[in-house]
Amino acid sequence: RKEEETLAIFRKQLTEEGILNDGDSIGTDDETLLRFLRARKFHLKQAKLMFGECQEWRRTVQGMGIDELYQRIDPFDYPERAAVFDSWPLWFHKVSFKGRPVNIHFLGNLDTSKLYKECTPEKHWQVMLVNCELLTREVMPAAKKVSGSENVNTVLVIVDLKGFGLSQFWQMKSLARNSFQVSQDYYPETMGQLAIVNAPSSFTMIWSMIKPWLSKETCEKVDILGSNYRDVLLDLVDADALPSVLGGNCTCPGGCHLSGAGPWLNGRQGWGPKSQVQSSGSSSDST
C-alpha cells in the first residue's frame, strides 16, 4: 500500500516536472518506475534524480541518443555480429521456469585483438549498449506477455567461464566495468539472478576486483559454481530451453548463440541489412 502511494507520487512528480512524457522509450509503465524506486529504496528524491539522469543519458549517449542508436543497429542483425559472437559471445536464449529471459555469456573465447580487426571498439561498445536496451525494449515485454505473469521483470544471466583466465579479464576489465555501470545506473533492477559456471581457481582474485563495481544487492544475486553446475541450471531452466553446451537439450539450427531464440522473435520485423535485403527481394517479387 505504501509502495503504491509512493509510486503514484513519483509518477506525478516526474510528469509535472517534464522528466517523463507520454511515449518516452524508457517506458511509462508502473514496472519501469518501480525499478528506479527499488534501486533507491523508495527514496523519492534519489529515485527522481536517478530517473532524470537516465533520461539525459538516453537523449545524449554516443552523441545521438539511445533511440537513434537502436535504429542504426538492429541487435539481431548487424554486419559485425558473427565476429562479435566469435570473440565475445553474449545472447538472449529462451526463458527460465519462472518465465525470465535467459541471457548467456561465454567468456572463455574472449579475444578483443581478434574482434577489433573486424569491428571497431566504438562499434562494439555501441552493440553492448543496444543489447542493454534490447532487454527492456523487446525481450522483457515479450517474455512477460508469453508468461501471462506481471512478475516477469528480471533476467536470468548465465556466465560460462570455461577457459577464462586473467589474460581475458585484463582484456575486458574496463569494458566490463563500464557495462556494469550502464546496467546499474540506466537499467536498474533488471537482473534477477546471475549464475557463474565453470569458475576457474583464478576467479577468486578476479571476483575480488569485480565486486567493488557492483551494488550489495547485485552481489547477493550471484551464485558462483564450478564444473558441477548442470543440476543447478536445470532447476532454473527446462532442458529443452537450455543450450546443449550448458548441459541442456537445445541445439538451435546454426547454433543457439546466433539464433536469438525466444518469444521476442515472434512476428518481429527487423531493420538490419538482412531484413532490408529480404524486404527488397519480396517487393521485387510482387512487382
C-alpha atoms as a PDB file:
ATOM      1  CA  ARG A   1       0.000   0.000   0.000  1.00  0.00           C
ATOM      2  CA  LYS A   2       2.790   2.400   0.968  1.00  0.00           C
ATOM      3  CA  GLU A   3       4.676   1.434  -2.222  1.00  0.00           C
ATOM      4  CA  GLU A   4       1.598   2.171  -4.326  1.00  0.00           C
ATOM      5  CA  GLU A   5       1.295   5.630  -2.778  1.00  0.00           C
ATOM      6  CA  THR A   6       4.986   6.330  -3.359  1.00  0.00           C
ATOM      7  CA  LEU A   7       4.664   5.169  -6.974  1.00  0.00           C
ATOM      8  CA  ALA A   8       1.694   7.500  -7.558  1.00  0.00           C
ATOM      9  CA  ILE A   9       3.618  10.466  -6.111  1.00  0.00           C
ATOM     10  CA  PHE A  10       6.709   9.531  -8.131  1.00  0.00           C
ATOM     11  CA  ARG A  11       4.742   9.398 -11.390  1.00  0.00           C
ATOM     12  CA  LYS A  12       3.039  12.720 -10.617  1.00  0.00           C
ATOM     13  CA  GLN A  13       6.350  14.461  -9.874  1.00  0.00           C
ATOM     14  CA  LEU A  14       8.101  13.033 -12.962  1.00  0.00           C
ATOM     15  CA  THR A  15       5.193  14.088 -15.185  1.00  0.00           C
ATOM     16  CA  GLU A  16       4.737  17.562 -13.695  1.00  0.00           C
ATOM     17  CA  GLU A  17       8.462  18.297 -13.895  1.00  0.00           C
ATOM     18  CA  GLY A  18       8.665  17.141 -17.521  1.00  0.00           C
ATOM     19  CA  ILE A  19      11.055  14.291 -16.723  1.00  0.00           C
ATOM     20  CA  LEU A  20       8.606  11.689 -18.047  1.00  0.00           C
ATOM     21  CA  ASN A  21       6.352  12.228 -21.058  1.00  0.00           C
ATOM     22  CA  ASP A  22       3.831  10.019 -22.857  1.00  0.00           C
ATOM     23  CA  GLY A  23       5.535   7.741 -25.351  1.00  0.00           C
ATOM     24  CA  ASP A  24       9.048   8.026 -23.868  1.00  0.00           C
ATOM     25  CA  SER A  25      11.007   4.949 -24.928  1.00  0.00           C
ATOM     26  CA  ILE A  26      12.319   4.394 -21.408  1.00  0.00           C
ATOM     27  CA  GLY A  27       8.824   3.064 -20.673  1.00  0.00           C
ATOM     28  CA  THR A  28       5.963   4.798 -18.893  1.00  0.00           C
ATOM     29  CA  ASP A  29       4.507   1.688 -17.221  1.00  0.00           C
ATOM     30  CA  ASP A  30       4.436   1.157 -13.464  1.00  0.00           C
ATOM     31  CA  GLU A  31       7.127  -1.532 -13.525  1.00  0.00           C
ATOM     32  CA  THR A  32       9.672   0.792 -15.158  1.00  0.00           C
ATOM     33  CA  LEU A  33       9.074   3.425 -12.490  1.00  0.00           C
ATOM     34  CA  LEU A  34       9.195   0.793  -9.745  1.00  0.00           C
ATOM     35  CA  ARG A  35      12.618  -0.384 -10.931  1.00  0.00           C
ATOM     36  CA  PHE A  36      14.038   3.077 -10.241  1.00  0.00           C
ATOM     37  CA  LEU A  37      12.230   3.326  -6.908  1.00  0.00           C
ATOM     38  CA  ARG A  38      13.551  -0.076  -5.820  1.00  0.00           C
ATOM     39  CA  ALA A  39      17.072   0.884  -6.851  1.00  0.00           C
ATOM     40  CA  ARG A  40      16.879   3.840  -4.463  1.00  0.00           C
ATOM     41  CA  LYS A  41      14.941   2.006  -1.738  1.00  0.00           C
ATOM     42  CA  PHE A  42      11.811   4.101  -2.428  1.00  0.00           C
ATOM     43  CA  HIS A  43      13.582   7.344  -1.555  1.00  0.00           C
ATOM     44  CA  LEU A  44      11.625   9.706  -3.811  1.00  0.00           C
ATOM     45  CA  LYS A  45      14.228  12.433  -4.215  1.00  0.00           C
ATOM     46  CA  GLN A  46      17.038  10.000  -5.028  1.00  0.00           C
ATOM     47  CA  ALA A  47      14.858   7.952  -7.412  1.00  0.00           C
ATOM     48  CA  LYS A  48      13.792  11.111  -9.253  1.00  0.00           C
ATOM     49  CA  LEU A  49      17.420  12.196  -9.613  1.00  0.00           C
ATOM     50  CA  MET A  50      18.329   8.746 -10.939  1.00  0.00           C
ATOM     51  CA  PHE A  51      15.424   8.762 -13.413  1.00  0.00           C
ATOM     52  CA  GLY A  52      16.302  12.263 -14.637  1.00  0.00           C
ATOM     53  CA  GLU A  53      19.966  11.329 -15.145  1.00  0.00           C
ATOM     54  CA  CYS A  54      18.876   8.245 -17.060  1.00  0.00           C
ATOM     55  CA  GLN A  55      16.630  10.310 -19.349  1.00  0.00           C
ATOM     56  CA  GLU A  56      19.511  12.711 -20.022  1.00  0.00           C
ATOM     57  CA  TRP A  57      21.809   9.771 -20.842  1.00  0.00           C
ATOM     58  CA  ARG A  58      19.172   8.313 -23.172  1.00  0.00           C
ATOM     59  CA  ARG A  59      18.980  11.631 -25.037  1.00  0.00           C
ATOM     60  CA  THR A  60      22.732  12.132 -25.397  1.00  0.00           C
ATOM     61  CA  VAL A  61      24.570   8.779 -25.364  1.00  0.00           C
ATOM     62  CA  GLN A  62      27.079   8.393 -28.220  1.00  0.00           C
ATOM     63  CA  GLY A  63      26.178  11.905 -29.355  1.00  0.00           C
ATOM     64  CA  MET A  64      22.869  10.699 -30.786  1.00  0.00           C
ATOM     65  CA  GLY A  65      20.744   9.183 -28.025  1.00  0.00           C
ATOM     66  CA  ILE A  66      19.690   5.573 -27.461  1.00  0.00           C
ATOM     67  CA  ASP A  67      16.632   5.735 -29.756  1.00  0.00           C
ATOM     68  CA  GLU A  68      18.733   6.774 -32.759  1.00  0.00           C
ATOM     69  CA  LEU A  69      21.461   4.249 -31.893  1.00  0.00           C
ATOM     70  CA  TYR A  70      18.838   1.486 -31.696  1.00  0.00           C
ATOM     71  CA  GLN A  71      17.530   2.440 -35.140  1.00  0.00           C
ATOM     72  CA  ARG A  72      21.060   2.265 -36.536  1.00  0.00           C
ATOM     73  CA  ILE A  73      21.890  -1.143 -35.017  1.00  0.00           C
ATOM     74  CA  ASP A  74      19.374  -3.990 -35.030  1.00  0.00           C
ATOM     75  CA  PRO A  75      20.755  -6.166 -32.188  1.00  0.00           C
ATOM     76  CA  PHE A  76      19.776  -9.319 -34.106  1.00  0.00           C
ATOM     77  CA  ASP A  77      21.159  -8.178 -37.461  1.00  0.00           C
ATOM     78  CA  TYR A  78      24.269  -6.031 -37.965  1.00  0.00           C
ATOM     79  CA  PRO A  79      27.297  -6.665 -40.220  1.00  0.00           C
ATOM     80  CA  GLU A  80      29.806  -7.453 -37.460  1.00  0.00           C
ATOM     81  CA  ARG A  81      27.521  -9.792 -35.499  1.00  0.00           C
ATOM     82  CA  ALA A  82      29.306 -13.049 -36.403  1.00  0.00           C
ATOM     83  CA  ALA A  83      32.693 -11.536 -35.482  1.00  0.00           C
ATOM     84  CA  VAL A  84      31.345 -10.259 -32.145  1.00  0.00           C
ATOM     85  CA  PHE A  85      29.790 -13.624 -31.318  1.00  0.00           C
ATOM     86  CA  ASP A  86      33.004 -15.412 -32.239  1.00  0.00           C
ATOM     87  CA  SER A  87      35.138 -13.346 -29.853  1.00  0.00           C
ATOM     88  CA  TRP A  88      32.717 -12.081 -27.187  1.00  0.00           C
ATOM     89  CA  PRO A  89      29.530 -14.167 -27.309  1.00  0.00           C
ATOM     90  CA  LEU A  90      26.561 -12.938 -25.306  1.00  0.00           C
ATOM     91  CA  TRP A  91      22.957 -13.545 -26.269  1.00  0.00           C
ATOM     92  CA  PHE A  92      19.362 -13.964 -25.137  1.00  0.00           C
ATOM     93  CA  HIS A  93      18.050 -17.513 -25.378  1.00  0.00           C
ATOM     94  CA  LYS A  94      14.506 -18.586 -24.439  1.00  0.00           C
ATOM     95  CA  VAL A  95      13.123 -18.326 -20.891  1.00  0.00           C
ATOM     96  CA  SER A  96      13.528 -19.919 -17.461  1.00  0.00           C
ATOM     97  CA  PHE A  97      10.902 -21.841 -15.475  1.00  0.00           C
ATOM     98  CA  LYS A  98       9.913 -18.521 -13.888  1.00  0.00           C
ATOM     99  CA  GLY A  99       9.400 -17.017 -17.343  1.00  0.00           C
ATOM    100  CA  ARG A 100      12.507 -14.855 -17.103  1.00  0.00           C
ATOM    101  CA  PRO A 101      14.524 -14.272 -20.290  1.00  0.00           C
ATOM    102  CA  VAL A 102      17.845 -16.125 -20.155  1.00  0.00           C
ATOM    103  CA  ASN A 103      20.961 -14.111 -21.043  1.00  0.00           C
ATOM    104  CA  ILE A 104      24.078 -16.204 -21.718  1.00  0.00           C
ATOM    105  CA  HIS A 105      27.730 -15.114 -21.834  1.00  0.00           C
ATOM    106  CA  PHE A 106      30.644 -17.313 -22.892  1.00  0.00           C
ATOM    107  CA  LEU A 107      33.866 -15.569 -21.904  1.00  0.00           C
ATOM    108  CA  GLY A 108      36.443 -18.332 -22.401  1.00  0.00           C
ATOM    109  CA  ASN A 109      36.946 -17.434 -26.094  1.00  0.00           C
ATOM    110  CA  LEU A 110      37.144 -13.716 -25.405  1.00  0.00           C
ATOM    111  CA  ASP A 111      39.698 -12.173 -27.755  1.00  0.00           C
ATOM    112  CA  THR A 112      39.447  -8.412 -28.259  1.00  0.00           C
ATOM    113  CA  SER A 113      42.513  -8.151 -30.538  1.00  0.00           C
ATOM    114  CA  LYS A 114      40.852 -10.587 -32.952  1.00  0.00           C
ATOM    115  CA  LEU A 115      37.482  -8.858 -32.610  1.00  0.00           C
ATOM    116  CA  TYR A 116      38.831  -5.363 -33.243  1.00  0.00           C
ATOM    117  CA  LYS A 117      40.240  -6.433 -36.599  1.00  0.00           C
ATOM    118  CA  GLU A 118      36.647  -6.798 -37.825  1.00  0.00           C
ATOM    119  CA  CYS A 119      34.699  -4.493 -35.503  1.00  0.00           C
ATOM    120  CA  THR A 120      35.916  -1.164 -34.138  1.00  0.00           C
ATOM    121  CA  PRO A 121      35.974  -0.733 -30.333  1.00  0.00           C
ATOM    122  CA  GLU A 122      33.423   2.077 -30.736  1.00  0.00           C
ATOM    123  CA  LYS A 123      31.017  -0.136 -32.706  1.00  0.00           C
ATOM    124  CA  HIS A 124      31.457  -2.964 -30.177  1.00  0.00           C
ATOM    125  CA  TRP A 125      30.548  -0.617 -27.315  1.00  0.00           C
ATOM    126  CA  GLN A 126      27.507   0.583 -29.284  1.00  0.00           C
ATOM    127  CA  VAL A 127      26.453  -3.058 -29.748  1.00  0.00           C
ATOM    128  CA  MET A 128      26.740  -3.608 -25.992  1.00  0.00           C
ATOM    129  CA  LEU A 129      24.564  -0.546 -25.325  1.00  0.00           C
ATOM    130  CA  VAL A 130      21.972  -1.729 -27.846  1.00  0.00           C
ATOM    131  CA  ASN A 131      21.876  -5.130 -26.124  1.00  0.00           C
ATOM    132  CA  CYS A 132      21.146  -3.422 -22.790  1.00  0.00           C
ATOM    133  CA  GLU A 133      18.290  -1.564 -24.457  1.00  0.00           C
ATOM    134  CA  LEU A 134      17.055  -4.738 -26.155  1.00  0.00           C
ATOM    135  CA  LEU A 135      16.285  -6.285 -22.766  1.00  0.00           C
ATOM    136  CA  THR A 136      13.810  -3.648 -21.607  1.00  0.00           C
ATOM    137  CA  ARG A 137      12.526  -2.600 -25.042  1.00  0.00           C
ATOM    138  CA  GLU A 138      11.800  -6.009 -26.615  1.00  0.00           C
ATOM    139  CA  VAL A 139      12.927  -9.055 -24.643  1.00  0.00           C
ATOM    140  CA  MET A 140      11.305  -8.486 -21.250  1.00  0.00           C
ATOM    141  CA  PRO A 141       7.917  -7.307 -22.603  1.00  0.00           C
ATOM    142  CA  ALA A 142       7.740 -10.373 -24.897  1.00  0.00           C
ATOM    143  CA  ALA A 143       8.666 -12.785 -22.090  1.00  0.00           C
ATOM    144  CA  LYS A 144       6.098 -11.185 -19.794  1.00  0.00           C
ATOM    145  CA  LYS A 145       3.383 -11.400 -22.458  1.00  0.00           C
ATOM    146  CA  VAL A 146       4.030 -15.104 -23.122  1.00  0.00           C
ATOM    147  CA  SER A 147       4.181 -15.996 -19.422  1.00  0.00           C
ATOM    148  CA  GLY A 148       0.940 -14.164 -18.685  1.00  0.00           C
ATOM    149  CA  SER A 149       2.509 -13.048 -15.414  1.00  0.00           C
ATOM    150  CA  GLU A 150       3.137  -9.487 -14.301  1.00  0.00           C
ATOM    151  CA  ASN A 151       6.021 -10.809 -12.190  1.00  0.00           C
ATOM    152  CA  VAL A 152       8.417 -11.360 -15.103  1.00  0.00           C
ATOM    153  CA  ASN A 153      10.520  -8.244 -14.599  1.00  0.00           C
ATOM    154  CA  THR A 154      14.075  -9.536 -14.405  1.00  0.00           C
ATOM    155  CA  VAL A 155      16.545 -11.633 -16.392  1.00  0.00           C
ATOM    156  CA  LEU A 156      18.455 -14.793 -15.515  1.00  0.00           C
ATOM    157  CA  VAL A 157      22.106 -14.362 -16.515  1.00  0.00           C
ATOM    158  CA  ILE A 158      24.391 -17.374 -17.042  1.00  0.00           C
ATOM    159  CA  VAL A 159      28.108 -16.672 -17.450  1.00  0.00           C
ATOM    160  CA  ASP A 160      30.313 -19.588 -18.564  1.00  0.00           C
ATOM    161  CA  LEU A 161      33.968 -19.066 -17.621  1.00  0.00           C
ATOM    162  CA  LYS A 162      35.380 -22.268 -19.119  1.00  0.00           C
ATOM    163  CA  GLY A 163      38.823 -21.331 -20.426  1.00  0.00           C
ATOM    164  CA  PHE A 164      38.599 -17.867 -18.837  1.00  0.00           C
ATOM    165  CA  GLY A 165      41.645 -16.541 -17.007  1.00  0.00           C
ATOM    166  CA  LEU A 166      43.483 -13.387 -16.076  1.00  0.00           C
ATOM    167  CA  SER A 167      44.527 -12.646 -19.672  1.00  0.00           C
ATOM    168  CA  GLN A 168      40.869 -12.467 -20.745  1.00  0.00           C
ATOM    169  CA  PHE A 169      39.957 -10.485 -17.647  1.00  0.00           C
ATOM    170  CA  TRP A 170      42.551  -7.788 -18.368  1.00  0.00           C
ATOM    171  CA  GLN A 171      41.225  -7.513 -21.943  1.00  0.00           C
ATOM    172  CA  MET A 172      37.660  -6.930 -20.793  1.00  0.00           C
ATOM    173  CA  LYS A 173      38.208  -5.180 -17.452  1.00  0.00           C
ATOM    174  CA  SER A 174      37.382  -1.599 -18.438  1.00  0.00           C
ATOM    175  CA  LEU A 175      34.538  -2.617 -20.781  1.00  0.00           C
ATOM    176  CA  ALA A 176      33.027  -4.861 -18.115  1.00  0.00           C
ATOM    177  CA  ARG A 177      33.229  -2.093 -15.541  1.00  0.00           C
ATOM    178  CA  ASN A 178      31.590   0.399 -17.920  1.00  0.00           C
ATOM    179  CA  SER A 179      28.812  -2.040 -18.828  1.00  0.00           C
ATOM    180  CA  PHE A 180      28.106  -2.794 -15.153  1.00  0.00           C
ATOM    181  CA  GLN A 181      27.833   0.951 -14.567  1.00  0.00           C
ATOM    182  CA  VAL A 182      25.421   1.414 -17.504  1.00  0.00           C
ATOM    183  CA  SER A 183      23.307  -1.504 -16.306  1.00  0.00           C
ATOM    184  CA  GLN A 184      23.094  -0.328 -12.691  1.00  0.00           C
ATOM    185  CA  ASP A 185      22.563   3.374 -13.470  1.00  0.00           C
ATOM    186  CA  TYR A 186      20.311   3.243 -16.534  1.00  0.00           C
ATOM    187  CA  TYR A 187      18.703  -0.230 -16.476  1.00  0.00           C
ATOM    188  CA  PRO A 188      18.367  -0.773 -12.721  1.00  0.00           C
ATOM    189  CA  GLU A 189      16.839  -3.809 -11.052  1.00  0.00           C
ATOM    190  CA  THR A 190      16.728  -5.892 -14.237  1.00  0.00           C
ATOM    191  CA  MET A 191      18.921  -8.786 -13.088  1.00  0.00           C
ATOM    192  CA  GLY A 192      17.064 -11.405 -11.087  1.00  0.00           C
ATOM    193  CA  GLN A 193      19.878 -13.925 -10.761  1.00  0.00           C
ATOM    194  CA  LEU A 194      23.431 -14.419 -12.033  1.00  0.00           C
ATOM    195  CA  ALA A 195      24.854 -17.945 -12.254  1.00  0.00           C
ATOM    196  CA  ILE A 196      28.591 -18.118 -12.950  1.00  0.00           C
ATOM    197  CA  VAL A 197      29.595 -21.605 -14.120  1.00  0.00           C
ATOM    198  CA  ASN A 198      32.987 -23.236 -14.710  1.00  0.00           C
ATOM    199  CA  ALA A 199      34.613 -20.634 -12.474  1.00  0.00           C
ATOM    200  CA  PRO A 200      38.392 -21.262 -12.560  1.00  0.00           C
ATOM    201  CA  SER A 201      40.615 -21.144  -9.482  1.00  0.00           C
ATOM    202  CA  SER A 202      41.853 -17.690 -10.546  1.00  0.00           C
ATOM    203  CA  PHE A 203      38.290 -16.369 -10.323  1.00  0.00           C
ATOM    204  CA  THR A 204      38.583 -15.778  -6.574  1.00  0.00           C
ATOM    205  CA  MET A 205      41.049 -12.984  -7.315  1.00  0.00           C
ATOM    206  CA  ILE A 206      39.073 -11.732 -10.307  1.00  0.00           C
ATOM    207  CA  TRP A 207      35.854 -11.649  -8.273  1.00  0.00           C
ATOM    208  CA  SER A 208      37.579  -9.588  -5.562  1.00  0.00           C
ATOM    209  CA  MET A 209      38.291  -6.956  -8.250  1.00  0.00           C
ATOM    210  CA  ILE A 210      34.804  -7.073  -9.787  1.00  0.00           C
ATOM    211  CA  LYS A 211      32.842  -6.984  -6.526  1.00  0.00           C
ATOM    212  CA  PRO A 212      33.506  -3.295  -5.716  1.00  0.00           C
ATOM    213  CA  TRP A 213      31.909  -2.321  -9.045  1.00  0.00           C
ATOM    214  CA  LEU A 214      28.616  -3.929  -8.039  1.00  0.00           C
ATOM    215  CA  SER A 215      25.962  -2.886  -5.582  1.00  0.00           C
ATOM    216  CA  LYS A 216      25.488  -5.038  -2.490  1.00  0.00           C
ATOM    217  CA  GLU A 217      22.057  -6.061  -3.789  1.00  0.00           C
ATOM    218  CA  THR A 218      23.566  -7.247  -7.092  1.00  0.00           C
ATOM    219  CA  CYS A 219      26.264  -9.278  -5.315  1.00  0.00           C
ATOM    220  CA  GLU A 220      23.565 -11.053  -3.297  1.00  0.00           C
ATOM    221  CA  LYS A 221      22.033 -12.363  -6.553  1.00  0.00           C
ATOM    222  CA  VAL A 222      25.255 -14.080  -7.699  1.00  0.00           C
ATOM    223  CA  ASP A 223      25.851 -17.842  -7.496  1.00  0.00           C
ATOM    224  CA  ILE A 224      29.424 -18.915  -8.267  1.00  0.00           C
ATOM    225  CA  LEU A 225      29.543 -22.546  -9.419  1.00  0.00           C
ATOM    226  CA  GLY A 226      32.397 -24.787 -10.511  1.00  0.00           C
ATOM    227  CA  SER A 227      32.065 -27.525 -13.111  1.00  0.00           C
ATOM    228  CA  ASN A 228      29.207 -29.378 -11.350  1.00  0.00           C
ATOM    229  CA  TYR A 229      26.587 -26.855 -12.350  1.00  0.00           C
ATOM    230  CA  ARG A 230      24.236 -28.841 -14.617  1.00  0.00           C
ATOM    231  CA  ASP A 231      21.667 -29.776 -11.967  1.00  0.00           C
ATOM    232  CA  VAL A 232      21.596 -26.214 -10.651  1.00  0.00           C
ATOM    233  CA  LEU A 233      20.877 -24.815 -14.133  1.00  0.00           C
ATOM    234  CA  LEU A 234      18.255 -27.483 -14.833  1.00  0.00           C
ATOM    235  CA  ASP A 235      16.460 -26.382 -11.668  1.00  0.00           C
ATOM    236  CA  LEU A 236      16.262 -22.933 -13.241  1.00  0.00           C
ATOM    237  CA  VAL A 237      15.745 -23.689 -16.951  1.00  0.00           C
ATOM    238  CA  ASP A 238      13.948 -26.519 -18.749  1.00  0.00           C
ATOM    239  CA  ALA A 239      16.381 -28.883 -20.505  1.00  0.00           C
ATOM    240  CA  ASP A 240      14.758 -28.136 -23.876  1.00  0.00           C
ATOM    241  CA  ALA A 241      15.404 -24.412 -23.392  1.00  0.00           C
ATOM    242  CA  LEU A 242      18.985 -24.778 -22.136  1.00  0.00           C
ATOM    243  CA  PRO A 243      21.714 -24.970 -24.837  1.00  0.00           C
ATOM    244  CA  SER A 244      23.470 -28.326 -25.058  1.00  0.00           C
ATOM    245  CA  VAL A 245      26.836 -26.651 -24.357  1.00  0.00           C
ATOM    246  CA  LEU A 246      25.468 -25.882 -20.871  1.00  0.00           C
ATOM    247  CA  GLY A 247      24.096 -29.371 -20.288  1.00  0.00           C
ATOM    248  CA  GLY A 248      20.639 -28.921 -21.809  1.00  0.00           C
ATOM    249  CA  ASN A 249      18.982 -30.446 -24.873  1.00  0.00           C
ATOM    250  CA  CYS A 250      18.627 -27.365 -27.074  1.00  0.00           C
ATOM    251  CA  THR A 251      20.504 -27.349 -30.386  1.00  0.00           C
ATOM    252  CA  CYS A 252      19.178 -24.432 -32.421  1.00  0.00           C
ATOM    253  CA  PRO A 253      19.894 -24.655 -36.181  1.00  0.00           C
ATOM    254  CA  GLY A 254      23.056 -22.652 -36.816  1.00  0.00           C
ATOM    255  CA  GLY A 255      23.869 -22.623 -33.110  1.00  0.00           C
ATOM    256  CA  CYS A 256      21.950 -21.393 -30.080  1.00  0.00           C
ATOM    257  CA  HIS A 257      24.287 -18.406 -29.730  1.00  0.00           C
ATOM    258  CA  LEU A 258      23.324 -16.921 -33.097  1.00  0.00           C
ATOM    259  CA  SER A 259      19.654 -17.926 -33.046  1.00  0.00           C
ATOM    260  CA  GLY A 260      18.403 -15.349 -30.533  1.00  0.00           C
ATOM    261  CA  ALA A 261      15.563 -17.842 -29.952  1.00  0.00           C
ATOM    262  CA  GLY A 262      12.759 -16.662 -27.725  1.00  0.00           C
ATOM    263  CA  PRO A 263       9.282 -15.105 -27.741  1.00  0.00           C
ATOM    264  CA  TRP A 264      10.815 -11.728 -28.648  1.00  0.00           C
ATOM    265  CA  LEU A 265      11.326 -13.006 -32.218  1.00  0.00           C
ATOM    266  CA  ASN A 266       7.643 -13.878 -32.705  1.00  0.00           C
ATOM    267  CA  GLY A 267       6.467 -11.688 -35.579  1.00  0.00           C
ATOM    268  CA  ARG A 268       9.476  -9.384 -35.171  1.00  0.00           C
ATOM    269  CA  GLN A 269      10.213  -7.106 -38.121  1.00  0.00           C
ATOM    270  CA  GLY A 270      13.954  -6.431 -38.176  1.00  0.00           C
ATOM    271  CA  TRP A 271      15.663  -3.417 -39.720  1.00  0.00           C
ATOM    272  CA  GLY A 272      19.235  -4.654 -40.243  1.00  0.00           C
ATOM    273  CA  PRO A 273      20.949  -5.433 -43.567  1.00  0.00           C
ATOM    274  CA  LYS A 274      19.465  -8.945 -43.910  1.00  0.00           C
ATOM    275  CA  SER A 275      15.922  -7.666 -43.315  1.00  0.00           C
ATOM    276  CA  GLN A 276      16.416  -4.947 -45.915  1.00  0.00           C
ATOM    277  CA  VAL A 277      17.639  -7.487 -48.486  1.00  0.00           C
ATOM    278  CA  GLN A 278      14.628  -9.725 -47.759  1.00  0.00           C
ATOM    279  CA  SER A 279      12.153  -6.854 -47.956  1.00  0.00           C
ATOM    280  CA  SER A 280      13.646  -5.569 -51.226  1.00  0.00           C
ATOM    281  CA  GLY A 281      13.523  -9.128 -52.564  1.00  0.00           C
ATOM    282  CA  SER A 282       9.882  -9.574 -51.613  1.00  0.00           C
ATOM    283  CA  SER A 283       8.929  -6.172 -53.029  1.00  0.00           C
ATOM    284  CA  SER A 284      10.600  -7.034 -56.355  1.00  0.00           C
ATOM    285  CA  ASP A 285       8.761 -10.386 -56.330  1.00  0.00           C
ATOM    286  CA  SER A 286       5.471  -8.561 -56.042  1.00  0.00           C
ATOM    287  CA  THR A 287       6.158  -6.250 -58.958  1.00  0.00           C
END
